[in-house]
Amino acid sequence: MEALSFYHGTINKEMGEKILCATKEDGSYLIRKSESMSGAYCLCILFKGLVYTYRVYQTNDRLWVAETAPGVQERVFRNVKNLIAHFREPDKGIIIPLLYPVPAK
């Protein structure tokens, strides 16, 4: 995860929201460590001034999963880069496609 430019590490929810809202670009996104679930991450996406958060985690089989909207079939990925590529497409179960990665400073 650390190799991804848009991985922000242990920033909290409020800081993640502040960073994304400062971009003012719908579809801006970042990943941060989850504060509430050990070993999980949060994929945070800006849309219409609100930040939507989807939990991303690794299964026991070392595959990656992202929580999506109810009724959307769960997909597993070999790595986070493949997961991100999947969610760059529309209608994949998140509020808006991933458009603009927000690099960590």
C-alpha atoms as a PDB file:
ATOM      1  CA  MET A   1       0.000   0.000   0.000  1.00  0.00           C
ATOM      2  CA  GLU A   2       2.832   2.386   0.906  1.00  0.00           C
ATOM      3  CA  ALA A   3       4.042   2.435  -2.730  1.00  0.00           C
ATOM      4  CA  LEU A   4       0.818   4.088  -3.929  1.00  0.00           C
ATOM      5  CA  SER A   5       1.121   7.861  -4.346  1.00  0.00           C
ATOM      6  CA  PHE A   6      -2.444   8.403  -3.084  1.00  0.00           C
ATOM      7  CA  TYR A   7      -1.946   6.400   0.126  1.00  0.00           C
ATOM      8  CA  HIS A   8      -2.040   8.827   3.040  1.00  0.00           C
ATOM      9  CA  GLY A   9      -1.246   6.416   5.863  1.00  0.00           C
ATOM     10  CA  THR A  10      -2.633   7.065   9.327  1.00  0.00           C
ATOM     11  CA  ILE A  11      -4.422  10.360   8.739  1.00  0.00           C
ATOM     12  CA  ASN A  12      -7.796  10.494  10.472  1.00  0.00           C
ATOM     13  CA  LYS A  13     -11.217  10.795   8.838  1.00  0.00           C
ATOM     14  CA  GLU A  14     -11.419  14.555   9.348  1.00  0.00           C
ATOM     15  CA  MET A  15      -8.004  15.166   7.767  1.00  0.00           C
ATOM     16  CA  GLY A  16      -8.897  12.953   4.795  1.00  0.00           C
ATOM     17  CA  GLU A  17     -12.104  14.915   4.266  1.00  0.00           C
ATOM     18  CA  LYS A  18     -10.253  18.225   4.515  1.00  0.00           C
ATOM     19  CA  ILE A  19      -7.672  17.123   1.925  1.00  0.00           C
ATOM     20  CA  LEU A  20     -10.335  15.912  -0.511  1.00  0.00           C
ATOM     21  CA  CYS A  21     -12.637  18.914  -0.097  1.00  0.00           C
ATOM     22  CA  ALA A  22      -9.700  21.223  -0.843  1.00  0.00           C
ATOM     23  CA  THR A  23      -9.416  19.670  -4.333  1.00  0.00           C
ATOM     24  CA  LYS A  24     -13.006  20.687  -5.248  1.00  0.00           C
ATOM     25  CA  GLU A  25     -12.924  17.981  -7.961  1.00  0.00           C
ATOM     26  CA  ASP A  26     -15.645  15.314  -7.987  1.00  0.00           C
ATOM     27  CA  GLY A  27     -13.962  11.936  -8.309  1.00  0.00           C
ATOM     28  CA  SER A  28     -10.875  12.925  -6.311  1.00  0.00           C
ATOM     29  CA  TYR A  29      -9.794  10.065  -4.066  1.00  0.00           C
ATOM     30  CA  LEU A  30      -7.265   8.852  -1.544  1.00  0.00           C
ATOM     31  CA  ILE A  31      -6.666   5.801   0.620  1.00  0.00           C
ATOM     32  CA  ARG A  32      -5.938   5.962   4.342  1.00  0.00           C
ATOM     33  CA  LYS A  33      -5.714   3.448   7.160  1.00  0.00           C
ATOM     34  CA  SER A  34      -9.029   2.642   8.815  1.00  0.00           C
ATOM     35  CA  GLU A  35      -9.345   4.039  12.316  1.00  0.00           C
ATOM     36  CA  SER A  36     -11.995   1.519  13.371  1.00  0.00           C
ATOM     37  CA  MET A  37     -10.948  -1.780  11.749  1.00  0.00           C
ATOM     38  CA  SER A  38      -7.468  -3.156  12.254  1.00  0.00           C
ATOM     39  CA  GLY A  39      -5.751  -4.139   8.999  1.00  0.00           C
ATOM     40  CA  ALA A  40      -8.331  -2.379   6.820  1.00  0.00           C
ATOM     41  CA  TYR A  41      -8.117   0.788   4.752  1.00  0.00           C
ATOM     42  CA  CYS A  42     -10.581   3.447   3.643  1.00  0.00           C
ATOM     43  CA  LEU A  43     -11.055   4.489   0.031  1.00  0.00           C
ATOM     44  CA  CYS A  44     -12.343   8.063   0.309  1.00  0.00           C
ATOM     45  CA  ILE A  45     -13.954   9.795  -2.680  1.00  0.00           C
ATOM     46  CA  LEU A  46     -15.226  13.357  -3.117  1.00  0.00           C
ATOM     47  CA  PHE A  47     -18.613  13.870  -4.788  1.00  0.00           C
ATOM     48  CA  LYS A  48     -20.709  17.059  -4.667  1.00  0.00           C
ATOM     49  CA  GLY A  49     -18.918  18.399  -1.614  1.00  0.00           C
ATOM     50  CA  LEU A  50     -19.308  15.186   0.407  1.00  0.00           C
ATOM     51  CA  VAL A  51     -16.725  12.503   1.087  1.00  0.00           C
ATOM     52  CA  TYR A  52     -17.866   8.904   0.639  1.00  0.00           C
ATOM     53  CA  THR A  53     -15.848   6.183   2.331  1.00  0.00           C
ATOM     54  CA  TYR A  54     -15.560   2.537   1.301  1.00  0.00           C
ATOM     55  CA  ARG A  55     -13.693  -0.009   3.391  1.00  0.00           C
ATOM     56  CA  VAL A  56     -10.916  -1.873   1.561  1.00  0.00           C
ATOM     57  CA  TYR A  57      -9.398  -4.978   3.102  1.00  0.00           C
ATOM     58  CA  GLN A  58      -7.471  -8.141   2.378  1.00  0.00           C
ATOM     59  CA  THR A  59      -9.180 -11.525   2.684  1.00  0.00           C
ATOM     60  CA  ASN A  60      -7.635 -14.579   4.328  1.00  0.00           C
ATOM     61  CA  ASP A  61      -6.607 -15.631   0.807  1.00  0.00           C
ATOM     62  CA  ARG A  62      -4.610 -12.381   0.473  1.00  0.00           C
ATOM     63  CA  LEU A  63      -7.024 -10.983  -2.122  1.00  0.00           C
ATOM     64  CA  TRP A  64      -8.350  -7.416  -1.953  1.00  0.00           C
ATOM     65  CA  VAL A  65     -12.015  -6.443  -1.604  1.00  0.00           C
ATOM     66  CA  ALA A  66     -13.810  -3.088  -1.424  1.00  0.00           C
ATOM     67  CA  GLU A  67     -17.223  -2.683   0.168  1.00  0.00           C
ATOM     68  CA  THR A  68     -19.697  -1.337  -2.380  1.00  0.00           C
ATOM     69  CA  ALA A  69     -23.375  -0.450  -2.620  1.00  0.00           C
ATOM     70  CA  PRO A  70     -25.896  -3.099  -1.542  1.00  0.00           C
ATOM     71  CA  GLY A  71     -26.797  -5.462  -4.369  1.00  0.00           C
ATOM     72  CA  VAL A  72     -23.504  -5.038  -6.220  1.00  0.00           C
ATOM     73  CA  GLN A  73     -21.669  -8.326  -6.613  1.00  0.00           C
ATOM     74  CA  GLU A  74     -18.472  -8.467  -4.569  1.00  0.00           C
ATOM     75  CA  ARG A  75     -15.293  -8.570  -6.636  1.00  0.00           C
ATOM     76  CA  VAL A  76     -11.880  -9.656  -5.431  1.00  0.00           C
ATOM     77  CA  PHE A  77      -8.560  -8.414  -6.779  1.00  0.00           C
ATOM     78  CA  ARG A  78      -4.985  -9.660  -6.643  1.00  0.00           C
ATOM     79  CA  ASN A  79      -3.694  -6.242  -5.681  1.00  0.00           C
ATOM     80  CA  VAL A  80      -4.855  -2.732  -4.872  1.00  0.00           C
ATOM     81  CA  LYS A  81      -3.796  -1.365  -8.274  1.00  0.00           C
ATOM     82  CA  ASN A  82      -6.254  -3.741  -9.970  1.00  0.00           C
ATOM     83  CA  LEU A  83      -8.968  -2.727  -7.501  1.00  0.00           C
ATOM     84  CA  ILE A  84      -8.393   0.959  -8.290  1.00  0.00           C
ATOM     85  CA  ALA A  85      -8.414   0.286 -12.045  1.00  0.00           C
ATOM     86  CA  HIS A  86     -11.780  -1.486 -11.701  1.00  0.00           C
ATOM     87  CA  PHE A  87     -13.356   1.445  -9.863  1.00  0.00           C
ATOM     88  CA  ARG A  88     -12.171   3.947 -12.480  1.00  0.00           C
ATOM     89  CA  GLU A  89     -15.059   2.665 -14.599  1.00  0.00           C
ATOM     90  CA  PRO A  90     -18.660   3.874 -14.068  1.00  0.00           C
ATOM     91  CA  ASP A  91     -21.405   1.815 -12.424  1.00  0.00           C
ATOM     92  CA  LYS A  92     -19.167  -0.386 -10.291  1.00  0.00           C
ATOM     93  CA  GLY A  93     -20.957   0.176  -6.985  1.00  0.00           C
ATOM     94  CA  ILE A  94     -19.335   3.379  -5.744  1.00  0.00           C
ATOM     95  CA  ILE A  95     -20.758   6.915  -5.860  1.00  0.00           C
ATOM     96  CA  ILE A  96     -18.579   8.091  -8.775  1.00  0.00           C
ATOM     97  CA  PRO A  97     -15.681   6.580 -10.726  1.00  0.00           C
ATOM     98  CA  LEU A  98     -12.207   7.195  -9.340  1.00  0.00           C
ATOM     99  CA  LEU A  99     -10.907  10.076 -11.438  1.00  0.00           C
ATOM    100  CA  TYR A 100      -8.232  12.084  -9.640  1.00  0.00           C
ATOM    101  CA  PRO A 101      -5.782  10.464  -7.223  1.00  0.00           C
ATOM    102  CA  VAL A 102      -4.732  12.904  -4.505  1.00  0.00           C
ATOM    103  CA  PRO A 103      -1.058  12.311  -3.718  1.00  0.00           C
ATOM    104  CA  ALA A 104       0.199  12.280  -0.152  1.00  0.00           C
ATOM    105  CA  LYS A 105       2.636  15.029   0.733  1.00  0.00           C
END
